[in-house]
Amino acid sequence: MDAKLSAQTPSQSLAGRLAARPFTAAAAALAIGGTATILGAWFFQYALGYQPCPLCLEQRYAFYFGIPLAIMVVLGERVGASRKVLLLALFAIMAGMIWNTGLSTYHAGVEWKFWPGPRDCSGTLEGLSSPGSLLNDLQSIHIPRCDDAAWRFLGISLAGYDALISAALATIAGWGLWTALRRPRSS
């Protein structure tokens, strides 16, 4: 166990303990929050039968790279990885979550009909009216539409919740960066 951690008193605040190891605190929260989000998405897909649209699947990419990277940050700090590498990893997670916040917000806006969505999963498909086997094949395939919210709770769709969660995770990564940058390099 770390000498710094063993010297902590029980009365030390949680904020103080978290600030003492910002990389670990932020990365652990990112890994836990990201894992819970993906498990929730898989629960809706596999247990409840809500098939994800192409935008839903694209929104998962940030979690697919962010979760393993956050775990590597936790492990990296434990084994003494370079501070620059840890900072860069947290920055990459933050950037991915900011991007995902924008994508999820765009998707929620498509569901609310604020703006048009991608042609491959919203609106009408054009040029498929000619007879033939292609049309018959396409009629048997069901691609969930990006402009129809399959589920809402308190008026917010899954894309809306993903935007909120991604923004929260980006904030946590930003906190980890900010706190780590304010600390002297020797610690």
N, C-alpha and C. Protein backbone atom coordinates (compact mmCIF):
# COMPACT_ATOMS: atom_id res chain seq x y z
N MET A 1 0.84 -1.18 0.00
CA MET A 1 0.00 0.00 0.00
C MET A 1 0.88 1.24 0.00
N ASP A 2 0.49 2.25 -0.64
CA ASP A 2 1.20 3.50 -0.77
C ASP A 2 1.42 4.14 0.60
N ALA A 3 2.59 4.72 0.82
CA ALA A 3 2.85 5.39 2.10
C ALA A 3 1.92 6.58 2.29
N LYS A 4 1.63 7.29 1.19
CA LYS A 4 0.72 8.44 1.28
C LYS A 4 -0.68 7.99 1.70
N LEU A 5 -1.15 6.89 1.11
CA LEU A 5 -2.50 6.43 1.42
C LEU A 5 -2.60 5.88 2.83
N SER A 6 -1.54 5.19 3.31
CA SER A 6 -1.62 4.61 4.65
C SER A 6 -1.54 5.70 5.72
N ALA A 7 -0.99 6.89 5.37
CA ALA A 7 -0.88 7.97 6.34
C ALA A 7 -2.18 8.78 6.45
N GLN A 8 -3.17 8.49 5.62
CA GLN A 8 -4.41 9.25 5.67
C GLN A 8 -5.20 8.89 6.93
N THR A 9 -5.82 9.89 7.48
CA THR A 9 -6.64 9.68 8.67
C THR A 9 -8.09 9.47 8.24
N PRO A 10 -8.88 8.77 9.07
CA PRO A 10 -10.28 8.56 8.72
C PRO A 10 -11.06 9.85 8.60
N SER A 11 -10.59 10.91 9.27
CA SER A 11 -11.32 12.17 9.23
C SER A 11 -11.05 12.97 7.96
N GLN A 12 -10.06 12.53 7.15
CA GLN A 12 -9.76 13.25 5.92
C GLN A 12 -10.98 13.16 4.99
N SER A 13 -11.31 14.27 4.36
CA SER A 13 -12.51 14.32 3.53
C SER A 13 -12.37 13.45 2.29
N LEU A 14 -13.50 13.03 1.78
CA LEU A 14 -13.51 12.25 0.55
C LEU A 14 -12.90 13.05 -0.59
N ALA A 15 -13.22 14.34 -0.65
CA ALA A 15 -12.66 15.20 -1.70
C ALA A 15 -11.14 15.22 -1.61
N GLY A 16 -10.61 15.27 -0.41
CA GLY A 16 -9.16 15.27 -0.23
C GLY A 16 -8.53 13.96 -0.68
N ARG A 17 -9.18 12.86 -0.37
CA ARG A 17 -8.65 11.56 -0.79
C ARG A 17 -8.72 11.41 -2.30
N LEU A 18 -9.81 11.89 -2.92
CA LEU A 18 -9.92 11.82 -4.37
C LEU A 18 -8.90 12.71 -5.06
N ALA A 19 -8.68 13.90 -4.50
CA ALA A 19 -7.73 14.84 -5.09
C ALA A 19 -6.30 14.33 -4.97
N ALA A 20 -6.03 13.47 -3.99
CA ALA A 20 -4.69 12.92 -3.82
C ALA A 20 -4.32 11.97 -4.97
N ARG A 21 -5.29 11.35 -5.58
CA ARG A 21 -5.04 10.42 -6.70
C ARG A 21 -6.03 10.72 -7.82
N PRO A 22 -5.89 11.87 -8.49
CA PRO A 22 -6.89 12.28 -9.48
C PRO A 22 -6.99 11.34 -10.67
N PHE A 23 -5.86 10.77 -11.10
CA PHE A 23 -5.92 9.85 -12.24
C PHE A 23 -6.77 8.63 -11.89
N THR A 24 -6.48 8.05 -10.74
CA THR A 24 -7.22 6.85 -10.33
C THR A 24 -8.69 7.16 -10.06
N ALA A 25 -8.95 8.27 -9.37
CA ALA A 25 -10.34 8.62 -9.04
C ALA A 25 -11.16 8.86 -10.31
N ALA A 26 -10.63 9.67 -11.22
CA ALA A 26 -11.37 9.97 -12.44
C ALA A 26 -11.51 8.73 -13.32
N ALA A 27 -10.42 8.00 -13.50
CA ALA A 27 -10.47 6.83 -14.38
C ALA A 27 -11.38 5.74 -13.83
N ALA A 28 -11.37 5.54 -12.52
CA ALA A 28 -12.25 4.52 -11.93
C ALA A 28 -13.71 4.92 -12.12
N ALA A 29 -14.02 6.20 -11.90
CA ALA A 29 -15.40 6.67 -12.11
C ALA A 29 -15.80 6.53 -13.59
N LEU A 30 -14.87 6.84 -14.49
CA LEU A 30 -15.16 6.70 -15.93
C LEU A 30 -15.40 5.25 -16.31
N ALA A 31 -14.57 4.35 -15.79
CA ALA A 31 -14.73 2.93 -16.11
C ALA A 31 -16.05 2.39 -15.56
N ILE A 32 -16.38 2.75 -14.32
CA ILE A 32 -17.62 2.27 -13.71
C ILE A 32 -18.84 2.87 -14.42
N GLY A 33 -18.82 4.19 -14.64
CA GLY A 33 -19.95 4.84 -15.33
C GLY A 33 -20.12 4.35 -16.76
N GLY A 34 -19.01 4.20 -17.47
CA GLY A 34 -19.07 3.71 -18.84
C GLY A 34 -19.57 2.28 -18.92
N THR A 35 -19.08 1.44 -18.01
CA THR A 35 -19.52 0.04 -17.99
C THR A 35 -21.01 -0.06 -17.68
N ALA A 36 -21.47 0.72 -16.72
CA ALA A 36 -22.90 0.71 -16.38
C ALA A 36 -23.74 1.16 -17.58
N THR A 37 -23.24 2.14 -18.32
CA THR A 37 -23.97 2.63 -19.50
C THR A 37 -24.06 1.56 -20.58
N ILE A 38 -22.96 0.91 -20.89
CA ILE A 38 -22.96 -0.13 -21.92
C ILE A 38 -23.80 -1.32 -21.48
N LEU A 39 -23.70 -1.70 -20.21
CA LEU A 39 -24.53 -2.81 -19.73
C LEU A 39 -26.01 -2.44 -19.83
N GLY A 40 -26.34 -1.19 -19.56
CA GLY A 40 -27.72 -0.74 -19.73
C GLY A 40 -28.17 -0.82 -21.18
N ALA A 41 -27.31 -0.40 -22.10
CA ALA A 41 -27.65 -0.48 -23.52
C ALA A 41 -27.85 -1.93 -23.95
N TRP A 42 -26.97 -2.79 -23.50
CA TRP A 42 -27.11 -4.22 -23.84
C TRP A 42 -28.36 -4.81 -23.20
N PHE A 43 -28.72 -4.37 -22.00
CA PHE A 43 -29.95 -4.85 -21.36
C PHE A 43 -31.16 -4.47 -22.22
N PHE A 44 -31.22 -3.22 -22.66
CA PHE A 44 -32.33 -2.80 -23.51
C PHE A 44 -32.35 -3.59 -24.81
N GLN A 45 -31.18 -3.87 -25.36
CA GLN A 45 -31.12 -4.59 -26.63
C GLN A 45 -31.43 -6.07 -26.47
N TYR A 46 -30.75 -6.75 -25.57
CA TYR A 46 -30.85 -8.21 -25.52
C TYR A 46 -31.93 -8.73 -24.57
N ALA A 47 -32.18 -8.03 -23.48
CA ALA A 47 -33.20 -8.50 -22.54
C ALA A 47 -34.59 -7.97 -22.88
N LEU A 48 -34.66 -6.69 -23.29
CA LEU A 48 -35.96 -6.10 -23.57
C LEU A 48 -36.32 -6.09 -25.05
N GLY A 49 -35.37 -6.41 -25.91
CA GLY A 49 -35.65 -6.53 -27.34
C GLY A 49 -35.69 -5.24 -28.14
N TYR A 50 -35.19 -4.13 -27.60
CA TYR A 50 -35.13 -2.87 -28.34
C TYR A 50 -33.90 -2.90 -29.25
N GLN A 51 -34.13 -3.01 -30.54
CA GLN A 51 -33.01 -3.06 -31.48
C GLN A 51 -32.44 -1.66 -31.69
N PRO A 52 -31.11 -1.52 -31.61
CA PRO A 52 -30.51 -0.20 -31.78
C PRO A 52 -30.46 0.21 -33.25
N CYS A 53 -30.65 1.49 -33.48
CA CYS A 53 -30.51 2.03 -34.84
C CYS A 53 -29.03 2.27 -35.11
N PRO A 54 -28.66 2.61 -36.34
CA PRO A 54 -27.25 2.87 -36.63
C PRO A 54 -26.62 3.98 -35.77
N LEU A 55 -27.37 5.03 -35.46
CA LEU A 55 -26.81 6.09 -34.60
C LEU A 55 -26.60 5.57 -33.17
N CYS A 56 -27.51 4.73 -32.70
CA CYS A 56 -27.35 4.14 -31.36
C CYS A 56 -26.05 3.34 -31.28
N LEU A 57 -25.81 2.55 -32.32
CA LEU A 57 -24.60 1.73 -32.34
C LEU A 57 -23.35 2.61 -32.40
N GLU A 58 -23.42 3.70 -33.15
CA GLU A 58 -22.27 4.61 -33.25
C GLU A 58 -21.99 5.29 -31.92
N GLN A 59 -23.03 5.56 -31.14
CA GLN A 59 -22.86 6.20 -29.84
C GLN A 59 -22.12 5.30 -28.85
N ARG A 60 -22.07 4.03 -29.10
CA ARG A 60 -21.38 3.10 -28.20
C ARG A 60 -19.86 3.13 -28.38
N TYR A 61 -19.37 3.63 -29.51
CA TYR A 61 -17.93 3.62 -29.79
C TYR A 61 -17.13 4.34 -28.71
N ALA A 62 -17.64 5.47 -28.24
CA ALA A 62 -16.91 6.22 -27.20
C ALA A 62 -16.72 5.38 -25.95
N PHE A 63 -17.69 4.54 -25.65
CA PHE A 63 -17.57 3.68 -24.46
C PHE A 63 -16.66 2.49 -24.73
N TYR A 64 -16.69 1.99 -25.96
CA TYR A 64 -15.84 0.85 -26.30
C TYR A 64 -14.36 1.18 -26.24
N PHE A 65 -13.99 2.44 -26.50
CA PHE A 65 -12.58 2.80 -26.33
C PHE A 65 -12.33 3.44 -24.97
N GLY A 66 -13.33 4.12 -24.41
CA GLY A 66 -13.13 4.82 -23.15
C GLY A 66 -13.00 3.91 -21.94
N ILE A 67 -13.77 2.84 -21.90
CA ILE A 67 -13.71 1.94 -20.75
C ILE A 67 -12.35 1.27 -20.63
N PRO A 68 -11.85 0.60 -21.68
CA PRO A 68 -10.52 -0.01 -21.56
C PRO A 68 -9.41 1.01 -21.28
N LEU A 69 -9.53 2.19 -21.89
CA LEU A 69 -8.52 3.22 -21.67
C LEU A 69 -8.55 3.69 -20.21
N ALA A 70 -9.73 3.83 -19.64
CA ALA A 70 -9.84 4.23 -18.23
C ALA A 70 -9.23 3.16 -17.31
N ILE A 71 -9.46 1.91 -17.63
CA ILE A 71 -8.87 0.82 -16.84
C ILE A 71 -7.34 0.87 -16.96
N MET A 72 -6.85 1.15 -18.16
CA MET A 72 -5.40 1.25 -18.34
C MET A 72 -4.82 2.44 -17.56
N VAL A 73 -5.58 3.52 -17.41
CA VAL A 73 -5.11 4.67 -16.62
C VAL A 73 -4.98 4.26 -15.16
N VAL A 74 -5.98 3.55 -14.63
CA VAL A 74 -5.92 3.09 -13.24
C VAL A 74 -4.69 2.20 -13.05
N LEU A 75 -4.52 1.24 -13.94
CA LEU A 75 -3.38 0.34 -13.83
C LEU A 75 -2.06 1.08 -14.07
N GLY A 76 -2.07 2.02 -15.01
CA GLY A 76 -0.86 2.78 -15.30
C GLY A 76 -0.39 3.61 -14.13
N GLU A 77 -1.32 4.23 -13.42
CA GLU A 77 -0.90 5.01 -12.26
C GLU A 77 -0.34 4.10 -11.18
N ARG A 78 -0.89 2.93 -11.05
CA ARG A 78 -0.40 1.99 -10.03
C ARG A 78 1.03 1.53 -10.31
N VAL A 79 1.39 1.37 -11.59
CA VAL A 79 2.73 0.87 -11.92
C VAL A 79 3.70 2.00 -12.26
N GLY A 80 3.28 3.24 -12.12
CA GLY A 80 4.18 4.36 -12.31
C GLY A 80 4.33 4.81 -13.76
N ALA A 81 3.27 4.74 -14.53
CA ALA A 81 3.33 5.20 -15.92
C ALA A 81 3.61 6.69 -15.96
N SER A 82 4.09 7.13 -17.09
CA SER A 82 4.42 8.54 -17.29
C SER A 82 3.19 9.42 -17.06
N ARG A 83 3.40 10.52 -16.39
CA ARG A 83 2.33 11.48 -16.13
C ARG A 83 1.74 11.99 -17.45
N LYS A 84 2.60 12.23 -18.43
CA LYS A 84 2.13 12.71 -19.73
C LYS A 84 1.21 11.69 -20.40
N VAL A 85 1.54 10.43 -20.28
CA VAL A 85 0.70 9.38 -20.88
C VAL A 85 -0.66 9.33 -20.19
N LEU A 86 -0.66 9.44 -18.87
CA LEU A 86 -1.91 9.42 -18.12
C LEU A 86 -2.77 10.64 -18.45
N LEU A 87 -2.12 11.81 -18.56
CA LEU A 87 -2.85 13.02 -18.94
C LEU A 87 -3.43 12.89 -20.34
N LEU A 88 -2.65 12.37 -21.26
CA LEU A 88 -3.11 12.18 -22.64
C LEU A 88 -4.28 11.20 -22.70
N ALA A 89 -4.22 10.13 -21.91
CA ALA A 89 -5.31 9.15 -21.89
C ALA A 89 -6.60 9.78 -21.36
N LEU A 90 -6.50 10.55 -20.27
CA LEU A 90 -7.70 11.21 -19.75
C LEU A 90 -8.23 12.23 -20.76
N PHE A 91 -7.32 12.93 -21.43
CA PHE A 91 -7.76 13.88 -22.46
C PHE A 91 -8.49 13.16 -23.59
N ALA A 92 -7.97 12.00 -24.02
CA ALA A 92 -8.61 11.24 -25.09
C ALA A 92 -10.01 10.78 -24.67
N ILE A 93 -10.15 10.33 -23.43
CA ILE A 93 -11.47 9.92 -22.94
C ILE A 93 -12.40 11.13 -22.91
N MET A 94 -11.91 12.27 -22.41
CA MET A 94 -12.74 13.47 -22.35
C MET A 94 -13.18 13.89 -23.76
N ALA A 95 -12.25 13.88 -24.70
CA ALA A 95 -12.58 14.27 -26.08
C ALA A 95 -13.61 13.31 -26.68
N GLY A 96 -13.45 12.02 -26.43
CA GLY A 96 -14.41 11.04 -26.93
C GLY A 96 -15.80 11.24 -26.34
N MET A 97 -15.86 11.55 -25.06
CA MET A 97 -17.15 11.76 -24.42
C MET A 97 -17.80 13.07 -24.86
N ILE A 98 -16.98 14.10 -25.12
CA ILE A 98 -17.53 15.34 -25.65
C ILE A 98 -18.11 15.09 -27.04
N TRP A 99 -17.36 14.36 -27.87
CA TRP A 99 -17.85 14.01 -29.21
C TRP A 99 -19.16 13.22 -29.09
N ASN A 100 -19.20 12.27 -28.16
CA ASN A 100 -20.39 11.44 -27.99
C ASN A 100 -21.56 12.25 -27.47
N THR A 101 -21.30 13.25 -26.64
CA THR A 101 -22.36 14.15 -26.18
C THR A 101 -23.00 14.84 -27.37
N GLY A 102 -22.17 15.33 -28.28
CA GLY A 102 -22.69 15.98 -29.49
C GLY A 102 -23.46 15.02 -30.37
N LEU A 103 -22.94 13.82 -30.57
CA LEU A 103 -23.62 12.82 -31.39
C LEU A 103 -24.96 12.43 -30.77
N SER A 104 -24.98 12.22 -29.47
CA SER A 104 -26.22 11.84 -28.78
C SER A 104 -27.24 12.97 -28.81
N THR A 105 -26.76 14.21 -28.67
CA THR A 105 -27.66 15.36 -28.75
C THR A 105 -28.25 15.46 -30.16
N TYR A 106 -27.40 15.26 -31.16
CA TYR A 106 -27.88 15.24 -32.55
C TYR A 106 -28.95 14.16 -32.73
N HIS A 107 -28.68 12.96 -32.19
CA HIS A 107 -29.64 11.86 -32.32
C HIS A 107 -30.95 12.18 -31.62
N ALA A 108 -30.87 12.76 -30.42
CA ALA A 108 -32.10 13.13 -29.71
C ALA A 108 -32.88 14.18 -30.51
N GLY A 109 -32.16 15.11 -31.13
CA GLY A 109 -32.82 16.11 -31.97
C GLY A 109 -33.49 15.50 -33.19
N VAL A 110 -32.88 14.46 -33.75
CA VAL A 110 -33.49 13.73 -34.87
C VAL A 110 -34.78 13.06 -34.40
N GLU A 111 -34.74 12.49 -33.20
CA GLU A 111 -35.94 11.84 -32.66
C GLU A 111 -37.06 12.84 -32.40
N TRP A 112 -36.73 14.05 -32.00
CA TRP A 112 -37.73 15.08 -31.76
C TRP A 112 -38.10 15.83 -33.03
N LYS A 113 -37.51 15.44 -34.15
CA LYS A 113 -37.77 16.05 -35.47
C LYS A 113 -37.31 17.50 -35.53
N PHE A 114 -36.27 17.86 -34.75
CA PHE A 114 -35.71 19.20 -34.81
C PHE A 114 -34.91 19.39 -36.09
N TRP A 115 -34.32 18.33 -36.60
CA TRP A 115 -33.54 18.36 -37.83
C TRP A 115 -33.58 16.98 -38.45
N PRO A 116 -33.26 16.88 -39.73
CA PRO A 116 -33.30 15.56 -40.38
C PRO A 116 -32.13 14.69 -39.93
N GLY A 117 -32.38 13.40 -39.92
CA GLY A 117 -31.34 12.45 -39.56
C GLY A 117 -30.65 11.90 -40.80
N PRO A 118 -29.76 10.96 -40.62
CA PRO A 118 -29.09 10.35 -41.76
C PRO A 118 -30.09 9.62 -42.66
N ARG A 119 -29.85 9.63 -43.94
CA ARG A 119 -30.79 9.02 -44.88
C ARG A 119 -30.90 7.51 -44.70
N ASP A 120 -29.86 6.88 -44.18
CA ASP A 120 -29.90 5.42 -44.09
C ASP A 120 -30.80 4.91 -42.96
N CYS A 121 -31.22 5.79 -42.04
CA CYS A 121 -32.06 5.29 -40.96
C CYS A 121 -33.18 6.25 -40.56
N SER A 122 -33.46 7.24 -41.38
CA SER A 122 -34.60 8.12 -41.10
C SER A 122 -35.12 8.68 -42.41
N GLY A 123 -36.33 9.14 -42.40
CA GLY A 123 -36.93 9.65 -43.63
C GLY A 123 -37.33 8.52 -44.56
N THR A 124 -37.52 8.87 -45.81
CA THR A 124 -37.93 7.87 -46.79
C THR A 124 -36.73 7.45 -47.62
N LEU A 125 -36.73 6.19 -48.03
CA LEU A 125 -35.71 5.69 -48.94
C LEU A 125 -36.21 5.89 -50.36
N GLU A 126 -35.33 6.38 -51.21
CA GLU A 126 -35.71 6.63 -52.59
C GLU A 126 -34.98 5.66 -53.50
N GLY A 127 -35.55 5.39 -54.64
CA GLY A 127 -34.90 4.56 -55.65
C GLY A 127 -35.02 3.07 -55.41
N LEU A 128 -35.92 2.64 -54.55
CA LEU A 128 -36.07 1.22 -54.29
C LEU A 128 -37.39 0.68 -54.83
N SER A 129 -38.03 1.43 -55.71
CA SER A 129 -39.35 1.02 -56.18
C SER A 129 -39.29 0.07 -57.38
N SER A 130 -38.12 -0.16 -57.95
CA SER A 130 -38.04 -1.07 -59.09
C SER A 130 -38.20 -2.51 -58.63
N PRO A 131 -38.90 -3.31 -59.42
CA PRO A 131 -39.12 -4.69 -59.01
C PRO A 131 -37.82 -5.49 -59.07
N GLY A 132 -37.81 -6.58 -58.37
CA GLY A 132 -36.65 -7.46 -58.40
C GLY A 132 -36.37 -8.05 -57.04
N SER A 133 -35.35 -8.86 -57.01
CA SER A 133 -35.02 -9.56 -55.76
C SER A 133 -34.46 -8.60 -54.72
N LEU A 134 -33.81 -7.51 -55.13
CA LEU A 134 -33.30 -6.56 -54.16
C LEU A 134 -34.43 -5.98 -53.32
N LEU A 135 -35.52 -5.61 -53.96
CA LEU A 135 -36.66 -5.05 -53.23
C LEU A 135 -37.25 -6.09 -52.28
N ASN A 136 -37.37 -7.32 -52.72
CA ASN A 136 -37.90 -8.37 -51.85
C ASN A 136 -36.98 -8.60 -50.65
N ASP A 137 -35.67 -8.57 -50.89
CA ASP A 137 -34.72 -8.74 -49.79
C ASP A 137 -34.83 -7.58 -48.80
N LEU A 138 -34.94 -6.36 -49.32
CA LEU A 138 -35.03 -5.20 -48.45
C LEU A 138 -36.31 -5.18 -47.63
N GLN A 139 -37.39 -5.74 -48.17
CA GLN A 139 -38.65 -5.77 -47.43
C GLN A 139 -38.59 -6.72 -46.25
N SER A 140 -37.72 -7.70 -46.30
CA SER A 140 -37.63 -8.65 -45.21
C SER A 140 -36.64 -8.20 -44.12
N ILE A 141 -35.89 -7.14 -44.39
CA ILE A 141 -34.92 -6.62 -43.42
C ILE A 141 -35.54 -5.44 -42.67
N HIS A 142 -35.37 -5.45 -41.36
CA HIS A 142 -35.88 -4.33 -40.56
C HIS A 142 -34.70 -3.61 -39.90
N ILE A 143 -34.47 -2.37 -40.33
CA ILE A 143 -33.46 -1.53 -39.70
C ILE A 143 -34.22 -0.52 -38.84
N PRO A 144 -33.94 -0.50 -37.54
CA PRO A 144 -34.64 0.47 -36.69
C PRO A 144 -34.36 1.90 -37.17
N ARG A 145 -35.38 2.71 -37.08
CA ARG A 145 -35.28 4.09 -37.55
C ARG A 145 -34.63 4.97 -36.48
N CYS A 146 -33.77 5.86 -36.94
CA CYS A 146 -33.09 6.79 -36.04
C CYS A 146 -34.00 7.92 -35.58
N ASP A 147 -35.09 8.16 -36.32
CA ASP A 147 -35.96 9.28 -35.97
C ASP A 147 -37.16 8.87 -35.13
N ASP A 148 -37.20 7.64 -34.68
CA ASP A 148 -38.26 7.17 -33.78
C ASP A 148 -37.62 6.71 -32.48
N ALA A 149 -37.95 7.37 -31.39
CA ALA A 149 -37.44 6.94 -30.08
C ALA A 149 -38.18 5.68 -29.67
N ALA A 150 -37.45 4.61 -29.46
CA ALA A 150 -38.06 3.34 -29.10
C ALA A 150 -38.55 3.34 -27.66
N TRP A 151 -37.97 4.19 -26.81
CA TRP A 151 -38.29 4.19 -25.39
C TRP A 151 -38.02 5.58 -24.83
N ARG A 152 -38.88 6.03 -23.96
CA ARG A 152 -38.70 7.31 -23.27
C ARG A 152 -39.06 7.14 -21.80
N PHE A 153 -38.36 7.86 -20.96
CA PHE A 153 -38.68 7.95 -19.54
C PHE A 153 -38.55 9.41 -19.15
N LEU A 154 -39.58 9.96 -18.55
CA LEU A 154 -39.66 11.38 -18.21
C LEU A 154 -39.46 12.26 -19.43
N GLY A 155 -39.92 11.77 -20.58
CA GLY A 155 -39.82 12.52 -21.82
C GLY A 155 -38.47 12.49 -22.49
N ILE A 156 -37.52 11.77 -21.92
CA ILE A 156 -36.16 11.71 -22.46
C ILE A 156 -35.93 10.32 -23.04
N SER A 157 -35.41 10.28 -24.27
CA SER A 157 -35.13 9.01 -24.94
C SER A 157 -33.77 8.46 -24.49
N LEU A 158 -33.46 7.26 -24.94
CA LEU A 158 -32.16 6.68 -24.64
C LEU A 158 -31.03 7.56 -25.19
N ALA A 159 -31.23 8.15 -26.36
CA ALA A 159 -30.21 9.05 -26.91
C ALA A 159 -30.03 10.27 -26.01
N GLY A 160 -31.12 10.78 -25.46
CA GLY A 160 -31.04 11.90 -24.53
C GLY A 160 -30.29 11.55 -23.26
N TYR A 161 -30.58 10.36 -22.73
CA TYR A 161 -29.85 9.92 -21.54
C TYR A 161 -28.38 9.70 -21.86
N ASP A 162 -28.08 9.19 -23.04
CA ASP A 162 -26.69 9.00 -23.43
C ASP A 162 -25.97 10.35 -23.51
N ALA A 163 -26.65 11.38 -23.98
CA ALA A 163 -26.05 12.72 -24.02
C ALA A 163 -25.73 13.20 -22.61
N LEU A 164 -26.66 12.99 -21.68
CA LEU A 164 -26.44 13.42 -20.29
C LEU A 164 -25.30 12.63 -19.64
N ILE A 165 -25.29 11.33 -19.85
CA ILE A 165 -24.24 10.48 -19.27
C ILE A 165 -22.88 10.83 -19.87
N SER A 166 -22.83 11.00 -21.19
CA SER A 166 -21.56 11.33 -21.84
C SER A 166 -21.03 12.67 -21.37
N ALA A 167 -21.92 13.64 -21.18
CA ALA A 167 -21.51 14.95 -20.66
C ALA A 167 -20.97 14.82 -19.24
N ALA A 168 -21.62 14.00 -18.42
CA ALA A 168 -21.14 13.79 -17.05
C ALA A 168 -19.77 13.11 -17.06
N LEU A 169 -19.59 12.12 -17.92
CA LEU A 169 -18.29 11.44 -17.98
C LEU A 169 -17.21 12.35 -18.53
N ALA A 170 -17.54 13.22 -19.48
CA ALA A 170 -16.57 14.19 -19.98
C ALA A 170 -16.17 15.15 -18.86
N THR A 171 -17.13 15.53 -18.03
CA THR A 171 -16.85 16.41 -16.89
C THR A 171 -15.93 15.73 -15.89
N ILE A 172 -16.17 14.45 -15.63
CA ILE A 172 -15.32 13.71 -14.70
C ILE A 172 -13.89 13.63 -15.25
N ALA A 173 -13.76 13.33 -16.54
CA ALA A 173 -12.42 13.28 -17.15
C ALA A 173 -11.76 14.65 -17.08
N GLY A 174 -12.53 15.70 -17.33
CA GLY A 174 -11.99 17.06 -17.23
C GLY A 174 -11.55 17.39 -15.81
N TRP A 175 -12.33 16.95 -14.81
CA TRP A 175 -11.94 17.15 -13.42
C TRP A 175 -10.62 16.44 -13.14
N GLY A 176 -10.50 15.21 -13.61
CA GLY A 176 -9.25 14.46 -13.40
C GLY A 176 -8.06 15.17 -14.04
N LEU A 177 -8.25 15.68 -15.24
CA LEU A 177 -7.18 16.44 -15.90
C LEU A 177 -6.83 17.70 -15.12
N TRP A 178 -7.84 18.48 -14.78
CA TRP A 178 -7.64 19.74 -14.07
C TRP A 178 -6.94 19.51 -12.74
N THR A 179 -7.40 18.55 -11.99
CA THR A 179 -6.81 18.27 -10.69
C THR A 179 -5.38 17.78 -10.82
N ALA A 180 -5.13 16.91 -11.78
CA ALA A 180 -3.77 16.39 -11.99
C ALA A 180 -2.82 17.49 -12.46
N LEU A 181 -3.31 18.39 -13.29
CA LEU A 181 -2.46 19.47 -13.79
C LEU A 181 -2.12 20.48 -12.70
N ARG A 182 -3.00 20.64 -11.73
CA ARG A 182 -2.75 21.60 -10.63
C ARG A 182 -1.77 21.05 -9.61
N ARG A 183 -1.61 19.73 -9.57
CA ARG A 183 -0.72 19.11 -8.60
C ARG A 183 0.74 19.23 -9.06
N PRO A 184 1.66 19.36 -8.14
CA PRO A 184 3.07 19.40 -8.54
C PRO A 184 3.48 18.06 -9.18
N ARG A 185 4.45 18.10 -10.05
CA ARG A 185 4.90 16.91 -10.78
C ARG A 185 5.49 15.84 -9.87
N SER A 186 6.05 16.20 -8.77
CA SER A 186 6.72 15.22 -7.89
C SER A 186 5.75 14.26 -7.22
N SER A 187 4.46 14.59 -7.16
CA SER A 187 3.51 13.71 -6.45
C SER A 187 2.89 12.71 -7.37
